[in-house]
């Protein structure tokens, strides 16, 4: 998997977290781990609110 694909999945997951989707749905659609999703939420989303 190249960097562009990772960025697309990352951005897609970030948007889905903001939209309030279920963790399992996000993991299934993006292929990211729960650990990765929690890191996105902690580092990129929560500081903005």
PDB file of N, CA and C in Angstrom:
ATOM      1  N   UNK A   1       0.850  -1.170   0.000  1.00  0.00           N
ATOM      2  CA  UNK A   1       0.000   0.000   0.000  1.00  0.00           C
ATOM      3  C   UNK A   1       0.897   1.234   0.000  1.00  0.00           C
ATOM      4  N   UNK A   2       0.617   2.137  -0.908  1.00  0.00           N
ATOM      5  CA  UNK A   2       1.453   3.324  -0.978  1.00  0.00           C
ATOM      6  C   UNK A   2       0.905   4.452  -0.103  1.00  0.00           C
ATOM      7  N   UNK A   3       1.638   5.517  -0.068  1.00  0.00           N
ATOM      8  CA  UNK A   3       1.309   6.635   0.818  1.00  0.00           C
ATOM      9  C   UNK A   3      -0.029   7.276   0.467  1.00  0.00           C
ATOM     10  N   UNK A   4      -0.348   7.398  -0.817  1.00  0.00           N
ATOM     11  CA  UNK A   4      -1.611   8.020  -1.220  1.00  0.00           C
ATOM     12  C   UNK A   4      -2.804   7.209  -0.744  1.00  0.00           C
ATOM     13  N   UNK A   5      -2.714   5.888  -0.836  1.00  0.00           N
ATOM     14  CA  UNK A   5      -3.797   5.040  -0.360  1.00  0.00           C
ATOM     15  C   UNK A   5      -3.969   5.157   1.141  1.00  0.00           C
ATOM     16  N   UNK A   6      -2.863   5.236   1.875  1.00  0.00           N
ATOM     17  CA  UNK A   6      -2.937   5.391   3.327  1.00  0.00           C
ATOM     18  C   UNK A   6      -3.594   6.713   3.683  1.00  0.00           C
ATOM     19  N   UNK A   7      -3.218   7.783   2.972  1.00  0.00           N
ATOM     20  CA  UNK A   7      -3.803   9.093   3.249  1.00  0.00           C
ATOM     21  C   UNK A   7      -5.296   9.104   2.946  1.00  0.00           C
ATOM     22  N   UNK A   8      -5.702   8.432   1.874  1.00  0.00           N
ATOM     23  CA  UNK A   8      -7.123   8.368   1.541  1.00  0.00           C
ATOM     24  C   UNK A   8      -7.900   7.639   2.626  1.00  0.00           C
ATOM     25  N   UNK A   9      -7.377   6.532   3.100  1.00  0.00           N
ATOM     26  CA  UNK A   9      -8.044   5.776   4.164  1.00  0.00           C
ATOM     27  C   UNK A   9      -8.083   6.583   5.451  1.00  0.00           C
ATOM     28  N   UNK A  10      -6.982   7.257   5.751  1.00  0.00           N
ATOM     29  CA  UNK A  10      -6.892   8.075   6.959  1.00  0.00           C
ATOM     30  C   UNK A  10      -7.928   9.202   6.919  1.00  0.00           C
ATOM     31  N   UNK A  11      -7.998   9.909   5.794  1.00  0.00           N
ATOM     32  CA  UNK A  11      -8.943  11.016   5.669  1.00  0.00           C
ATOM     33  C   UNK A  11     -10.383  10.520   5.690  1.00  0.00           C
ATOM     34  N   UNK A  12     -10.622   9.378   5.067  1.00  0.00           N
ATOM     35  CA  UNK A  12     -11.957   8.794   5.074  1.00  0.00           C
ATOM     36  C   UNK A  12     -12.369   8.420   6.499  1.00  0.00           C
ATOM     37  N   UNK A  13     -11.453   7.808   7.237  1.00  0.00           N
ATOM     38  CA  UNK A  13     -11.739   7.431   8.619  1.00  0.00           C
ATOM     39  C   UNK A  13     -11.986   8.665   9.474  1.00  0.00           C
ATOM     40  N   UNK A  14     -11.210   9.694   9.274  1.00  0.00           N
ATOM     41  CA  UNK A  14     -11.377  10.933  10.044  1.00  0.00           C
ATOM     42  C   UNK A  14     -12.763  11.534   9.806  1.00  0.00           C
ATOM     43  N   UNK A  15     -13.183  11.551   8.556  1.00  0.00           N
ATOM     44  CA  UNK A  15     -14.498  12.088   8.225  1.00  0.00           C
ATOM     45  C   UNK A  15     -15.603  11.242   8.852  1.00  0.00           C
ATOM     46  N   UNK A  16     -15.426   9.927   8.828  1.00  0.00           N
ATOM     47  CA  UNK A  16     -16.431   9.035   9.398  1.00  0.00           C
ATOM     48  C   UNK A  16     -16.510   9.176  10.915  1.00  0.00           C
ATOM     49  N   UNK A  17     -15.372   9.391  11.576  1.00  0.00           N
ATOM     50  CA  UNK A  17     -15.370   9.599  13.026  1.00  0.00           C
ATOM     51  C   UNK A  17     -16.123  10.873  13.358  1.00  0.00           C
ATOM     52  N   UNK A  18     -15.864  11.921  12.604  1.00  0.00           N
ATOM     53  CA  UNK A  18     -16.548  13.200  12.840  1.00  0.00           C
ATOM     54  C   UNK A  18     -18.049  13.051  12.616  1.00  0.00           C
ATOM     55  N   UNK A  19     -18.433  12.255  11.620  1.00  0.00           N
ATOM     56  CA  UNK A  19     -19.850  12.037  11.320  1.00  0.00           C
ATOM     57  C   UNK A  19     -20.543  11.159  12.354  1.00  0.00           C
ATOM     58  N   UNK A  20     -19.757  10.519  13.233  1.00  0.00           N
ATOM     59  CA  UNK A  20     -20.339   9.720  14.307  1.00  0.00           C
ATOM     60  C   UNK A  20     -20.623   8.273  13.938  1.00  0.00           C
ATOM     61  N   UNK A  21     -19.933   7.766  12.946  1.00  0.00           N
ATOM     62  CA  UNK A  21     -20.129   6.362  12.542  1.00  0.00           C
ATOM     63  C   UNK A  21     -19.590   5.426  13.617  1.00  0.00           C
ATOM     64  N   UNK A  22     -20.070   4.192  13.593  1.00  0.00           N
ATOM     65  CA  UNK A  22     -19.652   3.166  14.537  1.00  0.00           C
ATOM     66  C   UNK A  22     -18.225   2.719  14.227  1.00  0.00           C
ATOM     67  N   UNK A  23     -17.443   2.411  15.283  1.00  0.00           N
ATOM     68  CA  UNK A  23     -16.049   1.992  15.106  1.00  0.00           C
ATOM     69  C   UNK A  23     -15.940   0.799  14.170  1.00  0.00           C
ATOM     70  N   UNK A  24     -16.838  -0.175  14.360  1.00  0.00           N
ATOM     71  CA  UNK A  24     -16.780  -1.399  13.545  1.00  0.00           C
ATOM     72  C   UNK A  24     -17.014  -1.095  12.071  1.00  0.00           C
ATOM     73  N   UNK A  25     -17.941  -0.191  11.780  1.00  0.00           N
ATOM     74  CA  UNK A  25     -18.199   0.188  10.390  1.00  0.00           C
ATOM     75  C   UNK A  25     -16.979   0.855   9.773  1.00  0.00           C
ATOM     76  N   UNK A  26     -16.334   1.727  10.538  1.00  0.00           N
ATOM     77  CA  UNK A  26     -15.146   2.433  10.046  1.00  0.00           C
ATOM     78  C   UNK A  26     -14.018   1.437   9.802  1.00  0.00           C
ATOM     79  N   UNK A  27     -13.797   0.529  10.754  1.00  0.00           N
ATOM     80  CA  UNK A  27     -12.720  -0.459  10.605  1.00  0.00           C
ATOM     81  C   UNK A  27     -12.959  -1.348   9.390  1.00  0.00           C
ATOM     82  N   UNK A  28     -14.205  -1.746   9.168  1.00  0.00           N
ATOM     83  CA  UNK A  28     -14.515  -2.616   8.049  1.00  0.00           C
ATOM     84  C   UNK A  28     -14.311  -1.894   6.715  1.00  0.00           C
ATOM     85  N   UNK A  29     -14.729  -0.638   6.646  1.00  0.00           N
ATOM     86  CA  UNK A  29     -14.638   0.098   5.382  1.00  0.00           C
ATOM     87  C   UNK A  29     -13.213   0.548   5.053  1.00  0.00           C
ATOM     88  N   UNK A  30     -12.450   0.971   6.071  1.00  0.00           N
ATOM     89  CA  UNK A  30     -11.119   1.518   5.809  1.00  0.00           C
ATOM     90  C   UNK A  30      -9.998   0.506   5.967  1.00  0.00           C
ATOM     91  N   UNK A  31     -10.230  -0.539   6.751  1.00  0.00           N
ATOM     92  CA  UNK A  31      -9.180  -1.523   6.997  1.00  0.00           C
ATOM     93  C   UNK A  31      -8.187  -1.087   8.062  1.00  0.00           C
ATOM     94  N   UNK A  32      -8.479   0.005   8.750  1.00  0.00           N
ATOM     95  CA  UNK A  32      -7.601   0.477   9.819  1.00  0.00           C
ATOM     96  C   UNK A  32      -7.945  -0.235  11.124  1.00  0.00           C
ATOM     97  N   UNK A  33      -6.975  -0.293  12.024  1.00  0.00           N
ATOM     98  CA  UNK A  33      -7.190  -0.918  13.329  1.00  0.00           C
ATOM     99  C   UNK A  33      -7.860   0.073  14.277  1.00  0.00           C
ATOM    100  N   UNK A  34      -8.474  -0.459  15.327  1.00  0.00           N
ATOM    101  CA  UNK A  34      -9.105   0.392  16.337  1.00  0.00           C
ATOM    102  C   UNK A  34      -8.064   1.317  16.954  1.00  0.00           C
ATOM    103  N   UNK A  35      -6.867   0.801  17.161  1.00  0.00           N
ATOM    104  CA  UNK A  35      -5.766   1.597  17.717  1.00  0.00           C
ATOM    105  C   UNK A  35      -5.484   2.818  16.828  1.00  0.00           C
ATOM    106  N   UNK A  36      -5.498   2.620  15.510  1.00  0.00           N
ATOM    107  CA  UNK A  36      -5.267   3.728  14.581  1.00  0.00           C
ATOM    108  C   UNK A  36      -6.401   4.743  14.638  1.00  0.00           C
ATOM    109  N   UNK A  37      -7.633   4.251  14.734  1.00  0.00           N
ATOM    110  CA  UNK A  37      -8.781   5.150  14.789  1.00  0.00           C
ATOM    111  C   UNK A  37      -8.764   5.982  16.062  1.00  0.00           C
ATOM    112  N   UNK A  38      -8.430   5.357  17.173  1.00  0.00           N
ATOM    113  CA  UNK A  38      -8.358   6.086  18.450  1.00  0.00           C
ATOM    114  C   UNK A  38      -7.267   7.158  18.383  1.00  0.00           C
ATOM    115  N   UNK A  39      -6.157   6.854  17.714  1.00  0.00           N
ATOM    116  CA  UNK A  39      -5.074   7.822  17.567  1.00  0.00           C
ATOM    117  C   UNK A  39      -5.522   9.015  16.719  1.00  0.00           C
ATOM    118  N   UNK A  40      -6.266   8.752  15.644  1.00  0.00           N
ATOM    119  CA  UNK A  40      -6.798   9.834  14.821  1.00  0.00           C
ATOM    120  C   UNK A  40      -7.711  10.719  15.658  1.00  0.00           C
ATOM    121  N   UNK A  41      -8.581  10.089  16.441  1.00  0.00           N
ATOM    122  CA  UNK A  41      -9.512  10.843  17.273  1.00  0.00           C
ATOM    123  C   UNK A  41      -8.770  11.676  18.317  1.00  0.00           C
ATOM    124  N   UNK A  42      -7.792  11.075  18.976  1.00  0.00           N
ATOM    125  CA  UNK A  42      -7.076  11.751  20.059  1.00  0.00           C
ATOM    126  C   UNK A  42      -6.213  12.896  19.537  1.00  0.00           C
ATOM    127  N   UNK A  43      -5.475  12.646  18.452  1.00  0.00           N
ATOM    128  CA  UNK A  43      -4.484  13.611  17.992  1.00  0.00           C
ATOM    129  C   UNK A  43      -5.022  14.659  17.032  1.00  0.00           C
ATOM    130  N   UNK A  44      -6.038  14.320  16.243  1.00  0.00           N
ATOM    131  CA  UNK A  44      -6.451  15.228  15.185  1.00  0.00           C
ATOM    132  C   UNK A  44      -7.848  15.820  15.368  1.00  0.00           C
ATOM    133  N   UNK A  45      -8.712  15.122  16.072  1.00  0.00           N
ATOM    134  CA  UNK A  45     -10.094  15.596  16.183  1.00  0.00           C
ATOM    135  C   UNK A  45     -10.330  16.301  17.520  1.00  0.00           C
ATOM    136  N   UNK A  46     -10.022  15.641  18.628  1.00  0.00           N
ATOM    137  CA  UNK A  46     -10.316  16.210  19.942  1.00  0.00           C
ATOM    138  C   UNK A  46      -9.637  17.552  20.210  1.00  0.00           C
ATOM    139  N   UNK A  47      -8.402  17.789  19.766  1.00  0.00           N
ATOM    140  CA  UNK A  47      -7.803  19.094  20.039  1.00  0.00           C
ATOM    141  C   UNK A  47      -8.532  20.274  19.400  1.00  0.00           C
ATOM    142  N   UNK A  48      -9.324  20.012  18.369  1.00  0.00           N
ATOM    143  CA  UNK A  48     -10.028  21.088  17.676  1.00  0.00           C
ATOM    144  C   UNK A  48     -11.328  21.482  18.369  1.00  0.00           C
ATOM    145  N   UNK A  49     -11.762  20.661  19.342  1.00  0.00           N
ATOM    146  CA  UNK A  49     -13.044  20.958  19.988  1.00  0.00           C
ATOM    147  C   UNK A  49     -12.860  21.409  21.390  1.00  0.00           C
TER     148      UNK A  49
END
